[in-house]
Amino acid sequence: MPLYEYRCETCGEKEEKLEGFSAPTEHACEHCGTAAGMKRQISRTAFNLAGGGWHAQGYSGPAPEKKEAAPAPSSAPKGGCAGGCACHSPAKDN
C-alpha cells in the first residue's frame, strides 16, 4: 500500500496516510473541521535507479558506446550442419 501525503487547503495542516490505490483524493480535515479540506499532494518518492543509463545521464546526454561482444567459440563441426546430421553421428550397427 502506498503512503499518501495530504494537506488542508484551509489551515495548512499536513498528514500522511497508508492507504490503498483506490482511496479518495480528499477527505475532511480533523484539525480545522473543513469538509474535503485535506487534498492529496504530489510528493517525491524513495524510488532510486542505480547504475548508468538514461537516468544517470539524462535524455539529452551522449549515448553510451556499445561494446561488441567477441564471438563465442563454437564446438559444432564446421560445414554448416551443426553436428546434428548423419555425417557426424556415430554409426550404429543393427
PDB file of N, CA and C in Angstrom:
ATOM      1  N   MET A   1       0.834  -1.181   0.000  1.00  0.00           N
ATOM      2  CA  MET A   1       0.000   0.000   0.000  1.00  0.00           C
ATOM      3  C   MET A   1       0.879   1.245   0.000  1.00  0.00           C
ATOM      4  N   PRO A   2       0.495   2.240  -0.789  1.00  0.00           N
ATOM      5  CA  PRO A   2       1.283   3.474  -0.831  1.00  0.00           C
ATOM      6  C   PRO A   2       1.017   4.386   0.364  1.00  0.00           C
ATOM      7  N   LEU A   3       1.987   5.207   0.655  1.00  0.00           N
ATOM      8  CA  LEU A   3       1.890   6.212   1.702  1.00  0.00           C
ATOM      9  C   LEU A   3       1.581   7.542   1.020  1.00  0.00           C
ATOM     10  N   TYR A   4       0.405   8.101   1.310  1.00  0.00           N
ATOM     11  CA  TYR A   4      -0.028   9.354   0.688  1.00  0.00           C
ATOM     12  C   TYR A   4       0.141  10.524   1.650  1.00  0.00           C
ATOM     13  N   GLU A   5       0.478  11.683   1.115  1.00  0.00           N
ATOM     14  CA  GLU A   5       0.565  12.912   1.897  1.00  0.00           C
ATOM     15  C   GLU A   5      -0.652  13.771   1.573  1.00  0.00           C
ATOM     16  N   TYR A   6      -1.237  14.361   2.611  1.00  0.00           N
ATOM     17  CA  TYR A   6      -2.382  15.251   2.454  1.00  0.00           C
ATOM     18  C   TYR A   6      -2.063  16.584   3.101  1.00  0.00           C
ATOM     19  N   ARG A   7      -2.668  17.655   2.582  1.00  0.00           N
ATOM     20  CA  ARG A   7      -2.515  18.996   3.144  1.00  0.00           C
ATOM     21  C   ARG A   7      -3.862  19.695   3.089  1.00  0.00           C
ATOM     22  N   CYS A   8      -4.243  20.327   4.201  1.00  0.00           N
ATOM     23  CA  CYS A   8      -5.503  21.065   4.258  1.00  0.00           C
ATOM     24  C   CYS A   8      -5.328  22.400   3.561  1.00  0.00           C
ATOM     25  N   GLU A   9      -6.209  22.692   2.620  1.00  0.00           N
ATOM     26  CA  GLU A   9      -6.137  23.953   1.889  1.00  0.00           C
ATOM     27  C   GLU A   9      -6.612  25.128   2.731  1.00  0.00           C
ATOM     28  N   THR A  10      -7.294  24.862   3.850  1.00  0.00           N
ATOM     29  CA  THR A  10      -7.795  25.940   4.712  1.00  0.00           C
ATOM     30  C   THR A  10      -6.786  26.324   5.791  1.00  0.00           C
ATOM     31  N   CYS A  11      -6.329  25.338   6.572  1.00  0.00           N
ATOM     32  CA  CYS A  11      -5.447  25.652   7.703  1.00  0.00           C
ATOM     33  C   CYS A  11      -3.984  25.271   7.466  1.00  0.00           C
ATOM     34  N   GLY A  12      -3.683  24.513   6.415  1.00  0.00           N
ATOM     35  CA  GLY A  12      -2.305  24.141   6.120  1.00  0.00           C
ATOM     36  C   GLY A  12      -1.802  22.912   6.861  1.00  0.00           C
ATOM     37  N   GLU A  13      -2.655  22.279   7.658  1.00  0.00           N
ATOM     38  CA  GLU A  13      -2.272  21.075   8.389  1.00  0.00           C
ATOM     39  C   GLU A  13      -1.859  19.976   7.403  1.00  0.00           C
ATOM     40  N   LYS A  14      -0.841  19.185   7.775  1.00  0.00           N
ATOM     41  CA  LYS A  14      -0.351  18.100   6.915  1.00  0.00           C
ATOM     42  C   LYS A  14      -0.503  16.777   7.634  1.00  0.00           C
ATOM     43  N   GLU A  15      -0.695  15.712   6.844  1.00  0.00           N
ATOM     44  CA  GLU A  15      -0.751  14.368   7.405  1.00  0.00           C
ATOM     45  C   GLU A  15      -0.349  13.354   6.348  1.00  0.00           C
ATOM     46  N   GLU A  16       0.051  12.176   6.813  1.00  0.00           N
ATOM     47  CA  GLU A  16       0.383  11.062   5.929  1.00  0.00           C
ATOM     48  C   GLU A  16      -0.528   9.905   6.285  1.00  0.00           C
ATOM     49  N   LYS A  17      -0.981   9.180   5.260  1.00  0.00           N
ATOM     50  CA  LYS A  17      -1.849   8.029   5.483  1.00  0.00           C
ATOM     51  C   LYS A  17      -1.397   6.877   4.602  1.00  0.00           C
ATOM     52  N   LEU A  18      -1.388   5.690   5.157  1.00  0.00           N
ATOM     53  CA  LEU A  18      -1.100   4.477   4.421  1.00  0.00           C
ATOM     54  C   LEU A  18      -2.439   3.946   3.927  1.00  0.00           C
ATOM     55  N   GLU A  19      -2.699   4.094   2.626  1.00  0.00           N
ATOM     56  CA  GLU A  19      -3.991   3.738   2.054  1.00  0.00           C
ATOM     57  C   GLU A  19      -3.812   2.973   0.752  1.00  0.00           C
ATOM     58  N   GLY A  20      -4.875   2.341   0.317  1.00  0.00           N
ATOM     59  CA  GLY A  20      -4.879   1.619  -0.942  1.00  0.00           C
ATOM     60  C   GLY A  20      -4.928   2.576  -2.124  1.00  0.00           C
ATOM     61  N   PHE A  21      -4.709   2.026  -3.330  1.00  0.00           N
ATOM     62  CA  PHE A  21      -4.698   2.838  -4.544  1.00  0.00           C
ATOM     63  C   PHE A  21      -6.058   3.482  -4.821  1.00  0.00           C
ATOM     64  N   SER A  22      -7.126   2.854  -4.386  1.00  0.00           N
ATOM     65  CA  SER A  22      -8.460   3.368  -4.667  1.00  0.00           C
ATOM     66  C   SER A  22      -8.965   4.362  -3.614  1.00  0.00           C
ATOM     67  N   ALA A  23      -8.121   4.794  -2.692  1.00  0.00           N
ATOM     68  CA  ALA A  23      -8.521   5.738  -1.646  1.00  0.00           C
ATOM     69  C   ALA A  23      -8.923   7.072  -2.270  1.00  0.00           C
ATOM     70  N   PRO A  24      -9.896   7.768  -1.671  1.00  0.00           N
ATOM     71  CA  PRO A  24     -10.289   9.075  -2.213  1.00  0.00           C
ATOM     72  C   PRO A  24      -9.142  10.083  -2.124  1.00  0.00           C
ATOM     73  N   THR A  25      -9.138  11.055  -3.028  1.00  0.00           N
ATOM     74  CA  THR A  25      -8.049  12.035  -3.077  1.00  0.00           C
ATOM     75  C   THR A  25      -8.249  13.190  -2.102  1.00  0.00           C
ATOM     76  N   GLU A  26      -9.392  13.237  -1.441  1.00  0.00           N
ATOM     77  CA  GLU A  26      -9.624  14.290  -0.440  1.00  0.00           C
ATOM     78  C   GLU A  26     -10.517  13.749   0.673  1.00  0.00           C
ATOM     79  N   HIS A  27     -10.380  14.349   1.855  1.00  0.00           N
ATOM     80  CA  HIS A  27     -11.215  13.993   3.000  1.00  0.00           C
ATOM     81  C   HIS A  27     -11.254  15.172   3.973  1.00  0.00           C
ATOM     82  N   ALA A  28     -12.064  15.050   5.022  1.00  0.00           N
ATOM     83  CA  ALA A  28     -12.234  16.137   5.990  1.00  0.00           C
ATOM     84  C   ALA A  28     -10.973  16.329   6.823  1.00  0.00           C
ATOM     85  N   CYS A  29     -10.692  17.588   7.152  1.00  0.00           N
ATOM     86  CA  CYS A  29      -9.548  17.924   7.995  1.00  0.00           C
ATOM     87  C   CYS A  29      -9.946  17.750   9.460  1.00  0.00           C
ATOM     88  N   GLU A  30      -9.210  16.925  10.191  1.00  0.00           N
ATOM     89  CA  GLU A  30      -9.501  16.705  11.602  1.00  0.00           C
ATOM     90  C   GLU A  30      -9.072  17.900  12.458  1.00  0.00           C
ATOM     91  N   HIS A  31      -8.138  18.706  11.955  1.00  0.00           N
ATOM     92  CA  HIS A  31      -7.613  19.850  12.714  1.00  0.00           C
ATOM     93  C   HIS A  31      -8.595  21.021  12.731  1.00  0.00           C
ATOM     94  N   CYS A  32      -9.089  21.445  11.557  1.00  0.00           N
ATOM     95  CA  CYS A  32      -9.987  22.602  11.493  1.00  0.00           C
ATOM     96  C   CYS A  32     -11.427  22.228  11.177  1.00  0.00           C
ATOM     97  N   GLY A  33     -11.677  20.978  10.766  1.00  0.00           N
ATOM     98  CA  GLY A  33     -13.031  20.514  10.510  1.00  0.00           C
ATOM     99  C   GLY A  33     -13.569  20.803   9.118  1.00  0.00           C
ATOM    100  N   THR A  34     -12.781  21.360   8.228  1.00  0.00           N
ATOM    101  CA  THR A  34     -13.236  21.662   6.879  1.00  0.00           C
ATOM    102  C   THR A  34     -13.522  20.361   6.124  1.00  0.00           C
ATOM    103  N   ALA A  35     -14.749  20.251   5.599  1.00  0.00           N
ATOM    104  CA  ALA A  35     -15.117  19.064   4.815  1.00  0.00           C
ATOM    105  C   ALA A  35     -14.325  19.074   3.510  1.00  0.00           C
ATOM    106  N   ALA A  36     -13.755  17.963   3.162  1.00  0.00           N
ATOM    107  CA  ALA A  36     -12.945  17.800   1.945  1.00  0.00           C
ATOM    108  C   ALA A  36     -11.805  18.814   1.877  1.00  0.00           C
ATOM    109  N   GLY A  37     -11.300  19.236   3.034  1.00  0.00           N
ATOM    110  CA  GLY A  37     -10.201  20.199   3.077  1.00  0.00           C
ATOM    111  C   GLY A  37      -8.837  19.575   2.810  1.00  0.00           C
ATOM    112  N   MET A  38      -8.688  18.307   3.218  1.00  0.00           N
ATOM    113  CA  MET A  38      -7.418  17.615   3.013  1.00  0.00           C
ATOM    114  C   MET A  38      -7.345  17.099   1.577  1.00  0.00           C
ATOM    115  N   LYS A  39      -6.385  17.599   0.827  1.00  0.00           N
ATOM    116  CA  LYS A  39      -6.190  17.209  -0.574  1.00  0.00           C
ATOM    117  C   LYS A  39      -4.894  16.425  -0.688  1.00  0.00           C
ATOM    118  N   ARG A  40      -4.916  15.380  -1.496  1.00  0.00           N
ATOM    119  CA  ARG A  40      -3.719  14.564  -1.713  1.00  0.00           C
ATOM    120  C   ARG A  40      -2.675  15.396  -2.449  1.00  0.00           C
ATOM    121  N   GLN A  41      -1.437  15.306  -1.987  1.00  0.00           N
ATOM    122  CA  GLN A  41      -0.332  16.061  -2.564  1.00  0.00           C
ATOM    123  C   GLN A  41       0.526  15.164  -3.450  1.00  0.00           C
ATOM    124  N   ILE A  42       1.146  15.755  -4.431  1.00  0.00           N
ATOM    125  CA  ILE A  42       2.138  15.041  -5.225  1.00  0.00           C
ATOM    126  C   ILE A  42       3.464  15.240  -4.522  1.00  0.00           C
ATOM    127  N   SER A  43       4.118  14.143  -4.202  1.00  0.00           N
ATOM    128  CA  SER A  43       5.352  14.256  -3.428  1.00  0.00           C
ATOM    129  C   SER A  43       6.442  13.407  -4.047  1.00  0.00           C
ATOM    130  N   ARG A  44       7.647  13.603  -3.570  1.00  0.00           N
ATOM    131  CA  ARG A  44       8.788  12.825  -4.034  1.00  0.00           C
ATOM    132  C   ARG A  44       8.641  11.391  -3.562  1.00  0.00           C
ATOM    133  N   THR A  45       9.270  10.499  -4.287  1.00  0.00           N
ATOM    134  CA  THR A  45       9.258   9.096  -3.891  1.00  0.00           C
ATOM    135  C   THR A  45      10.653   8.685  -3.441  1.00  0.00           C
ATOM    136  N   ALA A  46      10.738   7.525  -2.862  1.00  0.00           N
ATOM    137  CA  ALA A  46      12.025   6.989  -2.438  1.00  0.00           C
ATOM    138  C   ALA A  46      12.614   6.090  -3.515  1.00  0.00           C
ATOM    139  N   PHE A  47      12.048   6.109  -4.702  1.00  0.00           N
ATOM    140  CA  PHE A  47      12.499   5.277  -5.817  1.00  0.00           C
ATOM    141  C   PHE A  47      13.834   5.788  -6.313  1.00  0.00           C
ATOM    142  N   ASN A  48      14.805   4.898  -6.469  1.00  0.00           N
ATOM    143  CA  ASN A  48      16.139   5.295  -6.872  1.00  0.00           C
ATOM    144  C   ASN A  48      16.679   4.303  -7.894  1.00  0.00           C
ATOM    145  N   LEU A  49      17.085   4.811  -9.047  1.00  0.00           N
ATOM    146  CA  LEU A  49      17.712   3.964 -10.053  1.00  0.00           C
ATOM    147  C   LEU A  49      19.219   4.008  -9.842  1.00  0.00           C
ATOM    148  N   ALA A  50      19.845   2.862  -9.859  1.00  0.00           N
ATOM    149  CA  ALA A  50      21.288   2.793  -9.653  1.00  0.00           C
ATOM    150  C   ALA A  50      21.970   2.400 -10.954  1.00  0.00           C
ATOM    151  N   GLY A  51      23.222   2.762 -11.092  1.00  0.00           N
ATOM    152  CA  GLY A  51      24.000   2.382 -12.263  1.00  0.00           C
ATOM    153  C   GLY A  51      23.967   3.452 -13.334  1.00  0.00           C
ATOM    154  N   GLY A  52      24.423   3.096 -14.516  1.00  0.00           N
ATOM    155  CA  GLY A  52      24.452   4.039 -15.629  1.00  0.00           C
ATOM    156  C   GLY A  52      23.158   3.967 -16.416  1.00  0.00           C
ATOM    157  N   GLY A  53      23.099   4.717 -17.486  1.00  0.00           N
ATOM    158  CA  GLY A  53      21.907   4.703 -18.330  1.00  0.00           C
ATOM    159  C   GLY A  53      21.291   6.075 -18.449  1.00  0.00           C
ATOM    160  N   TRP A  54      20.121   6.130 -19.081  1.00  0.00           N
ATOM    161  CA  TRP A  54      19.489   7.421 -19.349  1.00  0.00           C
ATOM    162  C   TRP A  54      19.177   8.186 -18.075  1.00  0.00           C
ATOM    163  N   HIS A  55      18.851   7.490 -16.974  1.00  0.00           N
ATOM    164  CA  HIS A  55      18.503   8.193 -15.739  1.00  0.00           C
ATOM    165  C   HIS A  55      19.722   8.869 -15.109  1.00  0.00           C
ATOM    166  N   ALA A  56      20.922   8.386 -15.394  1.00  0.00           N
ATOM    167  CA  ALA A  56      22.139   8.986 -14.844  1.00  0.00           C
ATOM    168  C   ALA A  56      22.642  10.120 -15.732  1.00  0.00           C
ATOM    169  N   GLN A  57      22.460   9.999 -17.056  1.00  0.00           N
ATOM    170  CA  GLN A  57      22.995  10.986 -17.983  1.00  0.00           C
ATOM    171  C   GLN A  57      21.932  11.956 -18.487  1.00  0.00           C
ATOM    172  N   GLY A  58      20.664  11.636 -18.265  1.00  0.00           N
ATOM    173  CA  GLY A  58      19.600  12.471 -18.796  1.00  0.00           C
ATOM    174  C   GLY A  58      19.308  12.086 -20.235  1.00  0.00           C
ATOM    175  N   TYR A  59      18.189  12.538 -20.734  1.00  0.00           N
ATOM    176  CA  TYR A  59      17.791  12.196 -22.095  1.00  0.00           C
ATOM    177  C   TYR A  59      18.685  12.849 -23.137  1.00  0.00           C
ATOM    178  N   SER A  60      19.204  14.035 -22.846  1.00  0.00           N
ATOM    179  CA  SER A  60      19.969  14.751 -23.855  1.00  0.00           C
ATOM    180  C   SER A  60      21.460  14.442 -23.816  1.00  0.00           C
ATOM    181  N   GLY A  61      21.876  13.639 -22.873  1.00  0.00           N
ATOM    182  CA  GLY A  61      23.299  13.309 -22.765  1.00  0.00           C
ATOM    183  C   GLY A  61      23.733  12.380 -23.888  1.00  0.00           C
ATOM    184  N   PRO A  62      25.036  12.245 -24.067  1.00  0.00           N
ATOM    185  CA  PRO A  62      25.529  11.357 -25.115  1.00  0.00           C
ATOM    186  C   PRO A  62      25.181   9.903 -24.799  1.00  0.00           C
ATOM    187  N   ALA A  63      24.865   9.164 -25.834  1.00  0.00           N
ATOM    188  CA  ALA A  63      24.534   7.755 -25.666  1.00  0.00           C
ATOM    189  C   ALA A  63      25.800   6.980 -25.344  1.00  0.00           C
ATOM    190  N   PRO A  64      25.707   6.035 -24.423  1.00  0.00           N
ATOM    191  CA  PRO A  64      26.900   5.238 -24.115  1.00  0.00           C
ATOM    192  C   PRO A  64      27.279   4.391 -25.320  1.00  0.00           C
ATOM    193  N   GLU A  65      28.565   4.214 -25.508  1.00  0.00           N
ATOM    194  CA  GLU A  65      29.042   3.418 -26.630  1.00  0.00           C
ATOM    195  C   GLU A  65      28.800   1.947 -26.354  1.00  0.00           C
ATOM    196  N   LYS A  66      28.362   1.245 -27.402  1.00  0.00           N
ATOM    197  CA  LYS A  66      28.136  -0.183 -27.263  1.00  0.00           C
ATOM    198  C   LYS A  66      29.430  -0.919 -27.573  1.00  0.00           C
ATOM    199  N   LYS A  67      29.741  -1.871 -26.734  1.00  0.00           N
ATOM    200  CA  LYS A  67      30.915  -2.696 -26.956  1.00  0.00           C
ATOM    201  C   LYS A  67      30.458  -3.971 -27.654  1.00  0.00           C
ATOM    202  N   GLU A  68      31.147  -4.308 -28.719  1.00  0.00           N
ATOM    203  CA  GLU A  68      30.799  -5.530 -29.427  1.00  0.00           C
ATOM    204  C   GLU A  68      31.367  -6.720 -28.673  1.00  0.00           C
ATOM    205  N   ALA A  69      30.529  -7.703 -28.476  1.00  0.00           N
ATOM    206  CA  ALA A  69      30.960  -8.908 -27.781  1.00  0.00           C
ATOM    207  C   ALA A  69      31.758  -9.777 -28.730  1.00  0.00           C
ATOM    208  N   ALA A  70      32.760 -10.414 -28.201  1.00  0.00           N
ATOM    209  CA  ALA A  70      33.559 -11.346 -29.002  1.00  0.00           C
ATOM    210  C   ALA A  70      32.692 -12.551 -29.330  1.00  0.00           C
ATOM    211  N   PRO A  71      32.827 -13.093 -30.543  1.00  0.00           N
ATOM    212  CA  PRO A  71      32.007 -14.255 -30.878  1.00  0.00           C
ATOM    213  C   PRO A  71      32.362 -15.434 -29.982  1.00  0.00           C
ATOM    214  N   ALA A  72      31.333 -16.149 -29.578  1.00  0.00           N
ATOM    215  CA  ALA A  72      31.544 -17.297 -28.707  1.00  0.00           C
ATOM    216  C   ALA A  72      32.196 -18.421 -29.493  1.00  0.00           C
ATOM    217  N   PRO A  73      33.153 -19.109 -28.885  1.00  0.00           N
ATOM    218  CA  PRO A  73      33.778 -20.225 -29.603  1.00  0.00           C
ATOM    219  C   PRO A  73      32.745 -21.320 -29.849  1.00  0.00           C
ATOM    220  N   SER A  74      32.764 -21.850 -31.043  1.00  0.00           N
ATOM    221  CA  SER A  74      31.795 -22.855 -31.427  1.00  0.00           C
ATOM    222  C   SER A  74      32.408 -24.239 -31.310  1.00  0.00           C
ATOM    223  N   SER A  75      31.660 -25.144 -30.693  1.00  0.00           N
ATOM    224  CA  SER A  75      32.120 -26.521 -30.595  1.00  0.00           C
ATOM    225  C   SER A  75      31.506 -27.367 -31.705  1.00  0.00           C
ATOM    226  N   ALA A  76      30.629 -26.767 -32.499  1.00  0.00           N
ATOM    227  CA  ALA A  76      29.994 -27.504 -33.588  1.00  0.00           C
ATOM    228  C   ALA A  76      31.001 -27.684 -34.722  1.00  0.00           C
ATOM    229  N   PRO A  77      30.906 -28.793 -35.437  1.00  0.00           N
ATOM    230  CA  PRO A  77      31.806 -29.013 -36.550  1.00  0.00           C
ATOM    231  C   PRO A  77      31.577 -27.997 -37.658  1.00  0.00           C
ATOM    232  N   LYS A  78      32.597 -27.692 -38.400  1.00  0.00           N
ATOM    233  CA  LYS A  78      32.496 -26.726 -39.479  1.00  0.00           C
ATOM    234  C   LYS A  78      31.795 -27.366 -40.660  1.00  0.00           C
ATOM    235  N   GLY A  79      31.151 -26.570 -41.475  1.00  0.00           N
ATOM    236  CA  GLY A  79      30.496 -27.100 -42.652  1.00  0.00           C
ATOM    237  C   GLY A  79      29.020 -26.786 -42.685  1.00  0.00           C
ATOM    238  N   GLY A  80      28.457 -26.225 -41.631  1.00  0.00           N
ATOM    239  CA  GLY A  80      27.085 -25.774 -41.661  1.00  0.00           C
ATOM    240  C   GLY A  80      26.055 -26.765 -41.165  1.00  0.00           C
ATOM    241  N   CYS A  81      26.438 -27.995 -40.847  1.00  0.00           N
ATOM    242  CA  CYS A  81      25.430 -28.969 -40.427  1.00  0.00           C
ATOM    243  C   CYS A  81      25.195 -28.936 -38.913  1.00  0.00           C
ATOM    244  N   ALA A  82      26.005 -28.259 -38.159  1.00  0.00           N
ATOM    245  CA  ALA A  82      25.901 -28.085 -36.707  1.00  0.00           C
ATOM    246  C   ALA A  82      26.045 -29.380 -35.928  1.00  0.00           C
ATOM    247  N   GLY A  83      26.486 -30.444 -36.584  1.00  0.00           N
ATOM    248  CA  GLY A  83      26.782 -31.681 -35.869  1.00  0.00           C
ATOM    249  C   GLY A  83      25.590 -32.562 -35.588  1.00  0.00           C
ATOM    250  N   GLY A  84      24.381 -32.174 -35.966  1.00  0.00           N
ATOM    251  CA  GLY A  84      23.214 -32.997 -35.673  1.00  0.00           C
ATOM    252  C   GLY A  84      22.811 -33.878 -36.850  1.00  0.00           C
ATOM    253  N   CYS A  85      23.637 -33.947 -37.870  1.00  0.00           N
ATOM    254  CA  CYS A  85      23.287 -34.717 -39.072  1.00  0.00           C
ATOM    255  C   CYS A  85      23.865 -36.129 -38.995  1.00  0.00           C
ATOM    256  N   ALA A  86      23.541 -36.920 -39.981  1.00  0.00           N
ATOM    257  CA  ALA A  86      24.037 -38.295 -40.025  1.00  0.00           C
ATOM    258  C   ALA A  86      25.532 -38.369 -40.281  1.00  0.00           C
ATOM    259  N   CYS A  87      26.105 -37.377 -40.945  1.00  0.00           N
ATOM    260  CA  CYS A  87      27.548 -37.432 -41.253  1.00  0.00           C
ATOM    261  C   CYS A  87      28.404 -37.271 -40.004  1.00  0.00           C
ATOM    262  N   HIS A  88      27.871 -36.715 -38.925  1.00  0.00           N
ATOM    263  CA  HIS A  88      28.649 -36.526 -37.699  1.00  0.00           C
ATOM    264  C   HIS A  88      28.179 -37.433 -36.557  1.00  0.00           C
ATOM    265  N   SER A  89      27.197 -38.237 -36.800  1.00  0.00           N
ATOM    266  CA  SER A  89      26.718 -39.156 -35.770  1.00  0.00           C
ATOM    267  C   SER A  89      27.493 -40.462 -35.821  1.00  0.00           C
ATOM    268  N   PRO A  90      27.728 -41.116 -34.700  1.00  0.00           N
ATOM    269  CA  PRO A  90      28.419 -42.403 -34.744  1.00  0.00           C
ATOM    270  C   PRO A  90      27.562 -43.433 -35.470  1.00  0.00           C
ATOM    271  N   ALA A  91      28.206 -44.298 -36.214  1.00  0.00           N
ATOM    272  CA  ALA A  91      27.482 -45.326 -36.953  1.00  0.00           C
ATOM    273  C   ALA A  91      26.900 -46.334 -35.990  1.00  0.00           C
ATOM    274  N   LYS A  92      25.687 -46.767 -36.287  1.00  0.00           N
ATOM    275  CA  LYS A  92      25.012 -47.766 -35.453  1.00  0.00           C
ATOM    276  C   LYS A  92      24.933 -49.074 -36.225  1.00  0.00           C
ATOM    277  N   ASP A  93      25.263 -50.152 -35.592  1.00  0.00           N
ATOM    278  CA  ASP A  93      25.145 -51.459 -36.225  1.00  0.00           C
ATOM    279  C   ASP A  93      23.833 -52.084 -35.812  1.00  0.00           C
ATOM    280  N   ASN A  94      23.072 -52.538 -36.762  1.00  0.00           N
ATOM    281  CA  ASN A  94      21.790 -53.200 -36.453  1.00  0.00           C
ATOM    282  C   ASN A  94      21.928 -54.666 -36.571  1.00  0.00           C
TER     283      ASN A  94
END
